[in-house]
Amino acid sequence: MARYAIHLNPRPVLTGCSALPARTRLRISLGLCVIGAAGIAISDYLEKEMSPTPENSIQK
């Protein structure tokens, strides 16, 4: 049975991210912000459209 050594990367994640070009980091950050804003907008829309009926609500 062959044994393989596991080589861990000694650099922390933030060091690896800072090695990316500034434009790439900016695009990734903006993409995450757009996904977050879309998620909030979709959840607000669904909350308005699918509001609970009085008999199904928790508060009585």
Protein backbone atom coordinates (compact mmCIF):
# COMPACT_ATOMS: atom_id res chain seq x y z
CA MET A 1 0.00 0.00 0.00
CA ALA A 2 1.49 3.33 -1.02
CA ARG A 3 1.56 6.19 1.41
CA TYR A 4 1.17 9.72 0.21
CA ALA A 5 2.29 12.76 2.13
CA ILE A 6 -0.19 15.55 2.53
CA HIS A 7 1.38 18.91 1.83
CA LEU A 8 -0.53 21.72 3.50
CA ASN A 9 -0.28 25.23 2.19
CA PRO A 10 1.39 27.28 4.93
CA ARG A 11 -0.15 30.55 3.69
CA PRO A 12 -3.37 31.70 5.36
CA VAL A 13 -6.45 32.25 3.21
CA LEU A 14 -6.28 36.03 3.46
CA THR A 15 -2.69 36.02 2.25
CA GLY A 16 -3.76 34.01 -0.78
CA CYS A 17 -6.61 36.42 -1.46
CA SER A 18 -4.33 39.42 -1.22
CA ALA A 19 -2.12 37.81 -3.87
CA LEU A 20 -4.95 38.24 -6.40
CA PRO A 21 -4.91 41.36 -8.55
CA ALA A 22 -6.94 44.28 -7.20
CA ARG A 23 -9.37 44.20 -10.12
CA THR A 24 -10.12 40.50 -9.52
CA ARG A 25 -10.70 41.07 -5.80
CA LEU A 26 -13.02 43.97 -6.64
CA ARG A 27 -15.03 41.88 -9.10
CA ILE A 28 -15.37 39.03 -6.58
CA SER A 29 -16.50 41.46 -3.86
CA LEU A 30 -19.01 43.16 -6.15
CA GLY A 31 -20.33 39.79 -7.27
CA LEU A 32 -20.92 38.73 -3.67
CA CYS A 33 -22.66 42.03 -2.94
CA VAL A 34 -24.94 41.58 -5.95
CA ILE A 35 -25.81 38.04 -4.89
CA GLY A 36 -26.58 39.26 -1.36
CA ALA A 37 -28.75 42.15 -2.59
CA ALA A 38 -30.62 39.82 -4.95
CA GLY A 39 -31.25 37.40 -2.09
CA ILE A 40 -32.66 40.17 0.09
CA ALA A 41 -34.87 41.47 -2.74
CA ILE A 42 -36.16 37.97 -3.53
CA SER A 43 -36.89 37.20 0.11
CA ASP A 44 -38.77 40.50 0.53
CA TYR A 45 -40.80 39.77 -2.60
CA LEU A 46 -41.63 36.25 -1.45
CA GLU A 47 -42.56 37.51 2.00
CA LYS A 48 -45.10 39.90 0.45
CA GLU A 49 -46.47 37.33 -2.00
CA MET A 50 -46.63 34.36 0.33
CA SER A 51 -47.73 35.99 3.57
CA PRO A 52 -49.08 33.52 6.12
CA THR A 53 -52.81 33.17 6.52
CA PRO A 54 -54.23 33.89 10.00
CA GLU A 55 -55.02 30.21 10.70
CA ASN A 56 -51.44 29.16 9.82
CA SER A 57 -49.63 31.87 11.74
CA ILE A 58 -47.77 31.17 14.96
CA GLN A 59 -49.11 34.18 16.87
CA LYS A 60 -52.69 33.71 18.08
